[in-house]
Amino acid sequence: MIEIKKDLFLNELKTNLLPLSSIDNIEDLYHNFTTTLSYSINKFSIEVSSNKRNSKTNPWYDKDCKSVRRAIKEVVDESLKIGNIKIYKALTKRKKRQCVRKRRESLTPL
């Protein structure tokens, strides 16, 4: 199933990117490229559950994480969405590290 989706995705991408080669303006080319790429990714991406698992199982997942995650969903421009995703990943990584550090400190005897 994944191989079929991969092939469909690549064919879709080739079909939609070919007309872009005739565009001379770099801004239009960039915009159309990112739009085409995100459309193809969204069309063939695997649906991810939006359950509340993170907030229940991860003590580090707080309001900051939720607000950054919401900002990703609200962004319309795909180039900005990638930047927000990077911010979200960095934030969650930092929160995880802080949580592990606090847990280690609380377990360390004086």
PDB file of N, CA and C in Angstrom:
ATOM      1  N   MET A   1       0.827  -1.194   0.000  1.00  0.00           N
ATOM      2  CA  MET A   1       0.000   0.000   0.000  1.00  0.00           C
ATOM      3  C   MET A   1       0.872   1.259   0.000  1.00  0.00           C
ATOM      4  N   ILE A   2       1.923   1.241   0.824  1.00  0.00           N
ATOM      5  CA  ILE A   2       2.798   2.412   0.898  1.00  0.00           C
ATOM      6  C   ILE A   2       3.535   2.626  -0.428  1.00  0.00           C
ATOM      7  N   GLU A   3       3.971   1.534  -1.055  1.00  0.00           N
ATOM      8  CA  GLU A   3       4.659   1.650  -2.346  1.00  0.00           C
ATOM      9  C   GLU A   3       3.741   2.237  -3.416  1.00  0.00           C
ATOM     10  N   ILE A   4       2.475   1.845  -3.385  1.00  0.00           N
ATOM     11  CA  ILE A   4       1.515   2.383  -4.348  1.00  0.00           C
ATOM     12  C   ILE A   4       1.330   3.879  -4.116  1.00  0.00           C
ATOM     13  N   LYS A   5       1.201   4.281  -2.846  1.00  0.00           N
ATOM     14  CA  LYS A   5       1.072   5.706  -2.536  1.00  0.00           C
ATOM     15  C   LYS A   5       2.323   6.467  -2.961  1.00  0.00           C
ATOM     16  N   LYS A   6       3.471   5.853  -2.751  1.00  0.00           N
ATOM     17  CA  LYS A   6       4.738   6.490  -3.140  1.00  0.00           C
ATOM     18  C   LYS A   6       4.767   6.730  -4.645  1.00  0.00           C
ATOM     19  N   ASP A   7       4.386   5.717  -5.416  1.00  0.00           N
ATOM     20  CA  ASP A   7       4.369   5.858  -6.877  1.00  0.00           C
ATOM     21  C   ASP A   7       3.356   6.903  -7.329  1.00  0.00           C
ATOM     22  N   LEU A   8       2.173   6.893  -6.730  1.00  0.00           N
ATOM     23  CA  LEU A   8       1.151   7.884  -7.068  1.00  0.00           C
ATOM     24  C   LEU A   8       1.627   9.296  -6.737  1.00  0.00           C
ATOM     25  N   PHE A   9       2.282   9.426  -5.582  1.00  0.00           N
ATOM     26  CA  PHE A   9       2.807  10.731  -5.166  1.00  0.00           C
ATOM     27  C   PHE A   9       3.848  11.233  -6.165  1.00  0.00           C
ATOM     28  N   LEU A  10       4.786  10.375  -6.555  1.00  0.00           N
ATOM     29  CA  LEU A  10       5.828  10.788  -7.489  1.00  0.00           C
ATOM     30  C   LEU A  10       5.247  11.139  -8.861  1.00  0.00           C
ATOM     31  N   ASN A  11       4.272  10.373  -9.329  1.00  0.00           N
ATOM     32  CA  ASN A  11       3.630  10.695 -10.608  1.00  0.00           C
ATOM     33  C   ASN A  11       2.884  12.021 -10.542  1.00  0.00           C
ATOM     34  N   GLU A  12       2.185  12.241  -9.444  1.00  0.00           N
ATOM     35  CA  GLU A  12       1.466  13.500  -9.246  1.00  0.00           C
ATOM     36  C   GLU A  12       2.445  14.674  -9.243  1.00  0.00           C
ATOM     37  N   LEU A  13       3.539  14.503  -8.539  1.00  0.00           N
ATOM     38  CA  LEU A  13       4.546  15.552  -8.442  1.00  0.00           C
ATOM     39  C   LEU A  13       5.160  15.857  -9.811  1.00  0.00           C
ATOM     40  N   LYS A  14       5.527  14.823 -10.550  1.00  0.00           N
ATOM     41  CA  LYS A  14       6.104  15.020 -11.898  1.00  0.00           C
ATOM     42  C   LYS A  14       5.124  15.745 -12.807  1.00  0.00           C
ATOM     43  N   THR A  15       3.868  15.348 -12.753  1.00  0.00           N
ATOM     44  CA  THR A  15       2.845  15.962 -13.608  1.00  0.00           C
ATOM     45  C   THR A  15       2.664  17.438 -13.277  1.00  0.00           C
ATOM     46  N   ASN A  16       2.649  17.764 -11.992  1.00  0.00           N
ATOM     47  CA  ASN A  16       2.401  19.150 -11.586  1.00  0.00           C
ATOM     48  C   ASN A  16       3.641  20.032 -11.651  1.00  0.00           C
ATOM     49  N   LEU A  17       4.820  19.459 -11.552  1.00  0.00           N
ATOM     50  CA  LEU A  17       6.039  20.276 -11.578  1.00  0.00           C
ATOM     51  C   LEU A  17       6.508  20.589 -13.002  1.00  0.00           C
ATOM     52  N   LEU A  18       6.153  19.768 -13.955  1.00  0.00           N
ATOM     53  CA  LEU A  18       6.594  19.984 -15.332  1.00  0.00           C
ATOM     54  C   LEU A  18       6.177  21.354 -15.875  1.00  0.00           C
ATOM     55  N   PRO A  19       4.916  21.785 -15.695  1.00  0.00           N
ATOM     56  CA  PRO A  19       4.543  23.123 -16.197  1.00  0.00           C
ATOM     57  C   PRO A  19       5.287  24.275 -15.523  1.00  0.00           C
ATOM     58  N   LEU A  20       5.855  24.030 -14.360  1.00  0.00           N
ATOM     59  CA  LEU A  20       6.573  25.101 -13.658  1.00  0.00           C
ATOM     60  C   LEU A  20       7.854  25.510 -14.372  1.00  0.00           C
ATOM     61  N   SER A  21       8.393  24.658 -15.212  1.00  0.00           N
ATOM     62  CA  SER A  21       9.659  24.959 -15.882  1.00  0.00           C
ATOM     63  C   SER A  21       9.537  26.118 -16.860  1.00  0.00           C
ATOM     64  N   SER A  22       8.312  26.500 -17.232  1.00  0.00           N
ATOM     65  CA  SER A  22       8.134  27.610 -18.172  1.00  0.00           C
ATOM     66  C   SER A  22       8.018  28.967 -17.474  1.00  0.00           C
ATOM     67  N   ILE A  23       8.032  28.991 -16.150  1.00  0.00           N
ATOM     68  CA  ILE A  23       7.894  30.244 -15.404  1.00  0.00           C
ATOM     69  C   ILE A  23       9.261  30.904 -15.264  1.00  0.00           C
ATOM     70  N   ASP A  24       9.326  32.191 -15.627  1.00  0.00           N
ATOM     71  CA  ASP A  24      10.589  32.925 -15.575  1.00  0.00           C
ATOM     72  C   ASP A  24      10.794  33.680 -14.272  1.00  0.00           C
ATOM     73  N   ASN A  25       9.725  34.154 -13.666  1.00  0.00           N
ATOM     74  CA  ASN A  25       9.810  34.946 -12.448  1.00  0.00           C
ATOM     75  C   ASN A  25      10.094  34.008 -11.265  1.00  0.00           C
ATOM     76  N   ILE A  26      11.183  34.256 -10.539  1.00  0.00           N
ATOM     77  CA  ILE A  26      11.618  33.364  -9.449  1.00  0.00           C
ATOM     78  C   ILE A  26      10.621  33.326  -8.303  1.00  0.00           C
ATOM     79  N   GLU A  27       9.977  34.481  -7.989  1.00  0.00           N
ATOM     80  CA  GLU A  27       8.993  34.485  -6.906  1.00  0.00           C
ATOM     81  C   GLU A  27       7.778  33.630  -7.254  1.00  0.00           C
ATOM     82  N   ASP A  28       7.298  33.770  -8.498  1.00  0.00           N
ATOM     83  CA  ASP A  28       6.155  32.960  -8.933  1.00  0.00           C
ATOM     84  C   ASP A  28       6.533  31.484  -8.975  1.00  0.00           C
ATOM     85  N   LEU A  29       7.723  31.214  -9.425  1.00  0.00           N
ATOM     86  CA  LEU A  29       8.201  29.835  -9.487  1.00  0.00           C
ATOM     87  C   LEU A  29       8.263  29.227  -8.093  1.00  0.00           C
ATOM     88  N   TYR A  30       8.827  29.965  -7.151  1.00  0.00           N
ATOM     89  CA  TYR A  30       8.936  29.482  -5.771  1.00  0.00           C
ATOM     90  C   TYR A  30       7.554  29.250  -5.166  1.00  0.00           C
ATOM     91  N   HIS A  31       6.670  30.220  -5.329  1.00  0.00           N
ATOM     92  CA  HIS A  31       5.316  30.104  -4.781  1.00  0.00           C
ATOM     93  C   HIS A  31       4.588  28.891  -5.377  1.00  0.00           C
ATOM     94  N   ASN A  32       4.636  28.762  -6.690  1.00  0.00           N
ATOM     95  CA  ASN A  32       3.956  27.644  -7.344  1.00  0.00           C
ATOM     96  C   ASN A  32       4.586  26.308  -6.973  1.00  0.00           C
ATOM     97  N   PHE A  33       5.906  26.291  -6.815  1.00  0.00           N
ATOM     98  CA  PHE A  33       6.587  25.060  -6.416  1.00  0.00           C
ATOM     99  C   PHE A  33       6.157  24.624  -5.017  1.00  0.00           C
ATOM    100  N   THR A  34       6.177  25.563  -4.045  1.00  0.00           N
ATOM    101  CA  THR A  34       5.801  25.193  -2.681  1.00  0.00           C
ATOM    102  C   THR A  34       4.330  24.800  -2.598  1.00  0.00           C
ATOM    103  N   THR A  35       3.483  25.490  -3.344  1.00  0.00           N
ATOM    104  CA  THR A  35       2.061  25.147  -3.356  1.00  0.00           C
ATOM    105  C   THR A  35       1.848  23.759  -3.950  1.00  0.00           C
ATOM    106  N   THR A  36       2.495  23.484  -5.064  1.00  0.00           N
ATOM    107  CA  THR A  36       2.368  22.178  -5.717  1.00  0.00           C
ATOM    108  C   THR A  36       2.890  21.072  -4.819  1.00  0.00           C
ATOM    109  N   LEU A  37       4.027  21.304  -4.208  1.00  0.00           N
ATOM    110  CA  LEU A  37       4.621  20.295  -3.335  1.00  0.00           C
ATOM    111  C   LEU A  37       3.708  20.010  -2.144  1.00  0.00           C
ATOM    112  N   SER A  38       3.226  21.054  -1.493  1.00  0.00           N
ATOM    113  CA  SER A  38       2.366  20.832  -0.324  1.00  0.00           C
ATOM    114  C   SER A  38       1.051  20.171  -0.724  1.00  0.00           C
ATOM    115  N   TYR A  39       0.497  20.536  -1.892  1.00  0.00           N
ATOM    116  CA  TYR A  39      -0.738  19.911  -2.359  1.00  0.00           C
ATOM    117  C   TYR A  39      -0.520  18.408  -2.566  1.00  0.00           C
ATOM    118  N   SER A  40       0.588  18.060  -3.205  1.00  0.00           N
ATOM    119  CA  SER A  40       0.871  16.641  -3.452  1.00  0.00           C
ATOM    120  C   SER A  40       1.119  15.892  -2.150  1.00  0.00           C
ATOM    121  N   ILE A  41       1.821  16.508  -1.225  1.00  0.00           N
ATOM    122  CA  ILE A  41       2.074  15.869   0.071  1.00  0.00           C
ATOM    123  C   ILE A  41       0.762  15.657   0.811  1.00  0.00           C
ATOM    124  N   ASN A  42      -0.078  16.684   0.845  1.00  0.00           N
ATOM    125  CA  ASN A  42      -1.356  16.563   1.552  1.00  0.00           C
ATOM    126  C   ASN A  42      -2.271  15.533   0.907  1.00  0.00           C
ATOM    127  N   LYS A  43      -2.219  15.433  -0.408  1.00  0.00           N
ATOM    128  CA  LYS A  43      -3.089  14.504  -1.120  1.00  0.00           C
ATOM    129  C   LYS A  43      -2.760  13.057  -0.798  1.00  0.00           C
ATOM    130  N   PHE A  44      -1.469  12.762  -0.602  1.00  0.00           N
ATOM    131  CA  PHE A  44      -1.054  11.379  -0.405  1.00  0.00           C
ATOM    132  C   PHE A  44      -0.486  11.095   0.985  1.00  0.00           C
ATOM    133  N   SER A  45      -0.607  12.040   1.889  1.00  0.00           N
ATOM    134  CA  SER A  45      -0.065  11.807   3.228  1.00  0.00           C
ATOM    135  C   SER A  45      -0.986  10.895   4.020  1.00  0.00           C
ATOM    136  N   ILE A  46      -0.431  10.278   5.024  1.00  0.00           N
ATOM    137  CA  ILE A  46      -1.184   9.385   5.889  1.00  0.00           C
ATOM    138  C   ILE A  46      -1.874  10.228   6.951  1.00  0.00           C
ATOM    139  N   GLU A  47      -3.123   9.958   7.176  1.00  0.00           N
ATOM    140  CA  GLU A  47      -3.897  10.706   8.170  1.00  0.00           C
ATOM    141  C   GLU A  47      -3.385  10.376   9.568  1.00  0.00           C
ATOM    142  N   VAL A  48      -3.125  11.400  10.358  1.00  0.00           N
ATOM    143  CA  VAL A  48      -2.633  11.218  11.715  1.00  0.00           C
ATOM    144  C   VAL A  48      -3.756  11.556  12.683  1.00  0.00           C
ATOM    145  N   SER A  49      -3.922  10.731  13.659  1.00  0.00           N
ATOM    146  CA  SER A  49      -4.981  10.933  14.638  1.00  0.00           C
ATOM    147  C   SER A  49      -4.723  12.219  15.419  1.00  0.00           C
ATOM    148  N   SER A  50      -5.786  12.924  15.713  1.00  0.00           N
ATOM    149  CA  SER A  50      -5.648  14.172  16.473  1.00  0.00           C
ATOM    150  C   SER A  50      -6.181  13.980  17.891  1.00  0.00           C
ATOM    151  N   ASN A  51      -5.882  12.844  18.494  1.00  0.00           N
ATOM    152  CA  ASN A  51      -6.355  12.609  19.854  1.00  0.00           C
ATOM    153  C   ASN A  51      -5.519  13.402  20.855  1.00  0.00           C
ATOM    154  N   LYS A  52      -5.914  13.372  22.087  1.00  0.00           N
ATOM    155  CA  LYS A  52      -5.263  14.161  23.135  1.00  0.00           C
ATOM    156  C   LYS A  52      -4.181  13.364  23.857  1.00  0.00           C
ATOM    157  N   ARG A  53      -3.574  12.395  23.180  1.00  0.00           N
ATOM    158  CA  ARG A  53      -2.592  11.513  23.805  1.00  0.00           C
ATOM    159  C   ARG A  53      -1.417  12.283  24.412  1.00  0.00           C
ATOM    160  N   ASN A  54      -0.901  13.273  23.710  1.00  0.00           N
ATOM    161  CA  ASN A  54       0.262  14.011  24.212  1.00  0.00           C
ATOM    162  C   ASN A  54      -0.001  14.662  25.558  1.00  0.00           C
ATOM    163  N   SER A  55      -1.163  15.274  25.701  1.00  0.00           N
ATOM    164  CA  SER A  55      -1.432  15.993  26.945  1.00  0.00           C
ATOM    165  C   SER A  55      -1.619  15.048  28.125  1.00  0.00           C
ATOM    166  N   LYS A  56      -2.011  13.800  27.879  1.00  0.00           N
ATOM    167  CA  LYS A  56      -2.246  12.860  28.966  1.00  0.00           C
ATOM    168  C   LYS A  56      -0.987  12.077  29.341  1.00  0.00           C
ATOM    169  N   THR A  57      -0.195  11.723  28.365  1.00  0.00           N
ATOM    170  CA  THR A  57       0.942  10.846  28.640  1.00  0.00           C
ATOM    171  C   THR A  57       2.263  11.584  28.792  1.00  0.00           C
ATOM    172  N   ASN A  58       2.333  12.799  28.342  1.00  0.00           N
ATOM    173  CA  ASN A  58       3.584  13.538  28.400  1.00  0.00           C
ATOM    174  C   ASN A  58       3.440  14.739  29.328  1.00  0.00           C
ATOM    175  N   PRO A  59       4.067  14.696  30.484  1.00  0.00           N
ATOM    176  CA  PRO A  59       3.934  15.805  31.431  1.00  0.00           C
ATOM    177  C   PRO A  59       4.542  17.109  30.914  1.00  0.00           C
ATOM    178  N   TRP A  60       5.439  17.018  29.964  1.00  0.00           N
ATOM    179  CA  TRP A  60       6.083  18.215  29.423  1.00  0.00           C
ATOM    180  C   TRP A  60       5.203  18.937  28.404  1.00  0.00           C
ATOM    181  N   TYR A  61       4.165  18.285  27.880  1.00  0.00           N
ATOM    182  CA  TYR A  61       3.303  18.882  26.856  1.00  0.00           C
ATOM    183  C   TYR A  61       2.352  19.871  27.535  1.00  0.00           C
ATOM    184  N   ASP A  62       2.618  21.174  27.353  1.00  0.00           N
ATOM    185  CA  ASP A  62       1.865  22.198  28.070  1.00  0.00           C
ATOM    186  C   ASP A  62       1.203  23.200  27.121  1.00  0.00           C
ATOM    187  N   LYS A  63       0.774  24.344  27.671  1.00  0.00           N
ATOM    188  CA  LYS A  63       0.090  25.364  26.882  1.00  0.00           C
ATOM    189  C   LYS A  63       0.958  25.889  25.742  1.00  0.00           C
ATOM    190  N   ASP A  64       2.256  26.034  25.984  1.00  0.00           N
ATOM    191  CA  ASP A  64       3.155  26.521  24.937  1.00  0.00           C
ATOM    192  C   ASP A  64       3.142  25.583  23.737  1.00  0.00           C
ATOM    193  N   CYS A  65       3.251  24.293  24.010  1.00  0.00           N
ATOM    194  CA  CYS A  65       3.239  23.290  22.938  1.00  0.00           C
ATOM    195  C   CYS A  65       1.917  23.334  22.174  1.00  0.00           C
ATOM    196  N   LYS A  66       0.827  23.454  22.917  1.00  0.00           N
ATOM    197  CA  LYS A  66      -0.492  23.486  22.288  1.00  0.00           C
ATOM    198  C   LYS A  66      -0.647  24.714  21.388  1.00  0.00           C
ATOM    199  N   SER A  67      -0.177  25.863  21.859  1.00  0.00           N
ATOM    200  CA  SER A  67      -0.346  27.083  21.066  1.00  0.00           C
ATOM    201  C   SER A  67       0.515  27.059  19.802  1.00  0.00           C
ATOM    202  N   VAL A  68       1.725  26.520  19.901  1.00  0.00           N
ATOM    203  CA  VAL A  68       2.579  26.422  18.713  1.00  0.00           C
ATOM    204  C   VAL A  68       1.984  25.422  17.730  1.00  0.00           C
ATOM    205  N   ARG A  69       1.440  24.311  18.238  1.00  0.00           N
ATOM    206  CA  ARG A  69       0.798  23.307  17.390  1.00  0.00           C
ATOM    207  C   ARG A  69      -0.415  23.917  16.679  1.00  0.00           C
ATOM    208  N   ARG A  70      -1.193  24.722  17.387  1.00  0.00           N
ATOM    209  CA  ARG A  70      -2.347  25.395  16.797  1.00  0.00           C
ATOM    210  C   ARG A  70      -1.898  26.370  15.712  1.00  0.00           C
ATOM    211  N   ALA A  71      -0.782  27.047  15.933  1.00  0.00           N
ATOM    212  CA  ALA A  71      -0.264  27.998  14.940  1.00  0.00           C
ATOM    213  C   ALA A  71       0.101  27.285  13.640  1.00  0.00           C
ATOM    214  N   ILE A  72       0.610  26.065  13.740  1.00  0.00           N
ATOM    215  CA  ILE A  72       0.941  25.287  12.542  1.00  0.00           C
ATOM    216  C   ILE A  72      -0.325  25.041  11.734  1.00  0.00           C
ATOM    217  N   LYS A  73      -1.393  24.655  12.412  1.00  0.00           N
ATOM    218  CA  LYS A  73      -2.646  24.332  11.718  1.00  0.00           C
ATOM    219  C   LYS A  73      -3.294  25.557  11.083  1.00  0.00           C
ATOM    220  N   GLU A  74      -3.074  26.729  11.653  1.00  0.00           N
ATOM    221  CA  GLU A  74      -3.724  27.942  11.164  1.00  0.00           C
ATOM    222  C   GLU A  74      -2.986  28.616  10.015  1.00  0.00           C
ATOM    223  N   VAL A  75      -1.726  28.260   9.772  1.00  0.00           N
ATOM    224  CA  VAL A  75      -0.934  28.899   8.725  1.00  0.00           C
ATOM    225  C   VAL A  75      -1.452  28.481   7.354  1.00  0.00           C
ATOM    226  N   VAL A  76      -1.594  29.454   6.469  1.00  0.00           N
ATOM    227  CA  VAL A  76      -2.060  29.176   5.115  1.00  0.00           C
ATOM    228  C   VAL A  76      -0.873  28.975   4.174  1.00  0.00           C
ATOM    229  N   ASP A  77       0.133  29.814   4.284  1.00  0.00           N
ATOM    230  CA  ASP A  77       1.307  29.750   3.409  1.00  0.00           C
ATOM    231  C   ASP A  77       2.201  28.594   3.839  1.00  0.00           C
ATOM    232  N   GLU A  78       2.467  27.681   2.929  1.00  0.00           N
ATOM    233  CA  GLU A  78       3.225  26.468   3.248  1.00  0.00           C
ATOM    234  C   GLU A  78       4.673  26.758   3.652  1.00  0.00           C
ATOM    235  N   SER A  79       5.267  27.810   3.096  1.00  0.00           N
ATOM    236  CA  SER A  79       6.645  28.118   3.473  1.00  0.00           C
ATOM    237  C   SER A  79       6.713  28.560   4.941  1.00  0.00           C
ATOM    238  N   LEU A  80       5.680  29.222   5.432  1.00  0.00           N
ATOM    239  CA  LEU A  80       5.633  29.616   6.842  1.00  0.00           C
ATOM    240  C   LEU A  80       5.318  28.414   7.729  1.00  0.00           C
ATOM    241  N   LYS A  81       4.548  27.485   7.210  1.00  0.00           N
ATOM    242  CA  LYS A  81       4.180  26.293   7.981  1.00  0.00           C
ATOM    243  C   LYS A  81       5.428  25.486   8.324  1.00  0.00           C
ATOM    244  N   ILE A  82       6.363  25.381   7.388  1.00  0.00           N
ATOM    245  CA  ILE A  82       7.599  24.637   7.624  1.00  0.00           C
ATOM    246  C   ILE A  82       8.388  25.283   8.759  1.00  0.00           C
ATOM    247  N   GLY A  83       8.434  26.607   8.792  1.00  0.00           N
ATOM    248  CA  GLY A  83       9.109  27.316   9.876  1.00  0.00           C
ATOM    249  C   GLY A  83       8.456  27.057  11.224  1.00  0.00           C
ATOM    250  N   ASN A  84       7.119  27.047  11.244  1.00  0.00           N
ATOM    251  CA  ASN A  84       6.407  26.769  12.494  1.00  0.00           C
ATOM    252  C   ASN A  84       6.616  25.336  12.954  1.00  0.00           C
ATOM    253  N   ILE A  85       6.721  24.417  12.029  1.00  0.00           N
ATOM    254  CA  ILE A  85       6.976  23.018  12.384  1.00  0.00           C
ATOM    255  C   ILE A  85       8.352  22.894  13.039  1.00  0.00           C
ATOM    256  N   LYS A  86       9.332  23.602  12.500  1.00  0.00           N
ATOM    257  CA  LYS A  86      10.674  23.576  13.097  1.00  0.00           C
ATOM    258  C   LYS A  86      10.650  24.147  14.514  1.00  0.00           C
ATOM    259  N   ILE A  87       9.889  25.221  14.714  1.00  0.00           N
ATOM    260  CA  ILE A  87       9.758  25.817  16.047  1.00  0.00           C
ATOM    261  C   ILE A  87       9.117  24.823  16.995  1.00  0.00           C
ATOM    262  N   TYR A  88       8.060  24.151  16.537  1.00  0.00           N
ATOM    263  CA  TYR A  88       7.352  23.168  17.360  1.00  0.00           C
ATOM    264  C   TYR A  88       8.283  22.024  17.758  1.00  0.00           C
ATOM    265  N   LYS A  89       9.051  21.509  16.800  1.00  0.00           N
ATOM    266  CA  LYS A  89       9.964  20.400  17.098  1.00  0.00           C
ATOM    267  C   LYS A  89      11.022  20.818  18.107  1.00  0.00           C
ATOM    268  N   ALA A  90      11.569  22.018  17.939  1.00  0.00           N
ATOM    269  CA  ALA A  90      12.579  22.505  18.879  1.00  0.00           C
ATOM    270  C   ALA A  90      11.984  22.691  20.272  1.00  0.00           C
ATOM    271  N   LEU A  91      10.780  23.225  20.333  1.00  0.00           N
ATOM    272  CA  LEU A  91      10.114  23.448  21.624  1.00  0.00           C
ATOM    273  C   LEU A  91       9.855  22.123  22.335  1.00  0.00           C
ATOM    274  N   THR A  92       9.293  21.152  21.630  1.00  0.00           N
ATOM    275  CA  THR A  92       8.997  19.868  22.272  1.00  0.00           C
ATOM    276  C   THR A  92      10.274  19.161  22.704  1.00  0.00           C
ATOM    277  N   LYS A  93      11.310  19.277  21.916  1.00  0.00           N
ATOM    278  CA  LYS A  93      12.595  18.665  22.283  1.00  0.00           C
ATOM    279  C   LYS A  93      13.131  19.298  23.567  1.00  0.00           C
ATOM    280  N   ARG A  94      13.047  20.641  23.643  1.00  0.00           N
ATOM    281  CA  ARG A  94      13.517  21.348  24.831  1.00  0.00           C
ATOM    282  C   ARG A  94      12.683  20.975  26.064  1.00  0.00           C
ATOM    283  N   LYS A  95      11.360  20.889  25.885  1.00  0.00           N
ATOM    284  CA  LYS A  95      10.477  20.535  27.002  1.00  0.00           C
ATOM    285  C   LYS A  95      10.760  19.111  27.501  1.00  0.00           C
ATOM    286  N   LYS A  96      11.005  18.204  26.582  1.00  0.00           N
ATOM    287  CA  LYS A  96      11.330  16.824  26.968  1.00  0.00           C
ATOM    288  C   LYS A  96      12.614  16.786  27.782  1.00  0.00           C
ATOM    289  N   ARG A  97      13.629  17.514  27.307  1.00  0.00           N
ATOM    290  CA  ARG A  97      14.914  17.548  28.019  1.00  0.00           C
ATOM    291  C   ARG A  97      14.752  18.113  29.424  1.00  0.00           C
ATOM    292  N   GLN A  98      13.981  19.208  29.551  1.00  0.00           N
ATOM    293  CA  GLN A  98      13.753  19.807  30.860  1.00  0.00           C
ATOM    294  C   GLN A  98      13.041  18.834  31.790  1.00  0.00           C
ATOM    295  N   CYS A  99      12.085  18.103  31.267  1.00  0.00           N
ATOM    296  CA  CYS A  99      11.340  17.140  32.072  1.00  0.00           C
ATOM    297  C   CYS A  99      12.255  16.007  32.552  1.00  0.00           C
ATOM    298  N   VAL A 100      13.086  15.503  31.650  1.00  0.00           N
ATOM    299  CA  VAL A 100      14.022  14.427  32.017  1.00  0.00           C
ATOM    300  C   VAL A 100      15.018  14.933  33.054  1.00  0.00           C
ATOM    301  N   ARG A 101      15.510  16.163  32.863  1.00  0.00           N
ATOM    302  CA  ARG A 101      16.465  16.747  33.799  1.00  0.00           C
ATOM    303  C   ARG A 101      15.843  16.896  35.189  1.00  0.00           C
ATOM    304  N   LYS A 102      14.613  17.384  35.265  1.00  0.00           N
ATOM    305  CA  LYS A 102      13.925  17.526  36.549  1.00  0.00           C
ATOM    306  C   LYS A 102      13.705  16.176  37.223  1.00  0.00           C
ATOM    307  N   ARG A 103      13.355  15.188  36.422  1.00  0.00           N
ATOM    308  CA  ARG A 103      13.130  13.850  36.967  1.00  0.00           C
ATOM    309  C   ARG A 103      14.428  13.267  37.526  1.00  0.00           C
ATOM    310  N   ARG A 104      15.545  13.487  36.822  1.00  0.00           N
ATOM    311  CA  ARG A 104      16.839  13.004  37.304  1.00  0.00           C
ATOM    312  C   ARG A 104      17.240  13.698  38.596  1.00  0.00           C
ATOM    313  N   GLU A 105      17.009  15.019  38.653  1.00  0.00           N
ATOM    314  CA  GLU A 105      17.360  15.780  39.844  1.00  0.00           C
ATOM    315  C   GLU A 105      16.534  15.332  41.048  1.00  0.00           C
ATOM    316  N   SER A 106      15.271  15.014  40.810  1.00  0.00           N
ATOM    317  CA  SER A 106      14.436  14.572  41.933  1.00  0.00           C
ATOM    318  C   SER A 106      14.787  13.185  42.397  1.00  0.00           C
ATOM    319  N   LEU A 107      15.407  12.369  41.554  1.00  0.00           N
ATOM    320  CA  LEU A 107      15.801  11.013  41.928  1.00  0.00           C
ATOM    321  C   LEU A 107      17.199  10.959  42.537  1.00  0.00           C
ATOM    322  N   THR A 108      18.010  11.991  42.318  1.00  0.00           N
ATOM    323  CA  THR A 108      19.375  12.018  42.825  1.00  0.00           C
ATOM    324  C   THR A 108      19.369  12.299  44.323  1.00  0.00           C
ATOM    325  N   PRO A 109      19.975  11.389  45.095  1.00  0.00           N
ATOM    326  CA  PRO A 109      20.046  11.611  46.563  1.00  0.00           C
ATOM    327  C   PRO A 109      21.045  12.728  46.906  1.00  0.00           C
ATOM    328  N   LEU A 110      20.770  13.403  47.981  1.00  0.00           N
ATOM    329  CA  LEU A 110      21.676  14.483  48.418  1.00  0.00           C
ATOM    330  C   LEU A 110      22.844  13.955  49.121  1.00  0.00           C
TER     331      LEU A 110
END
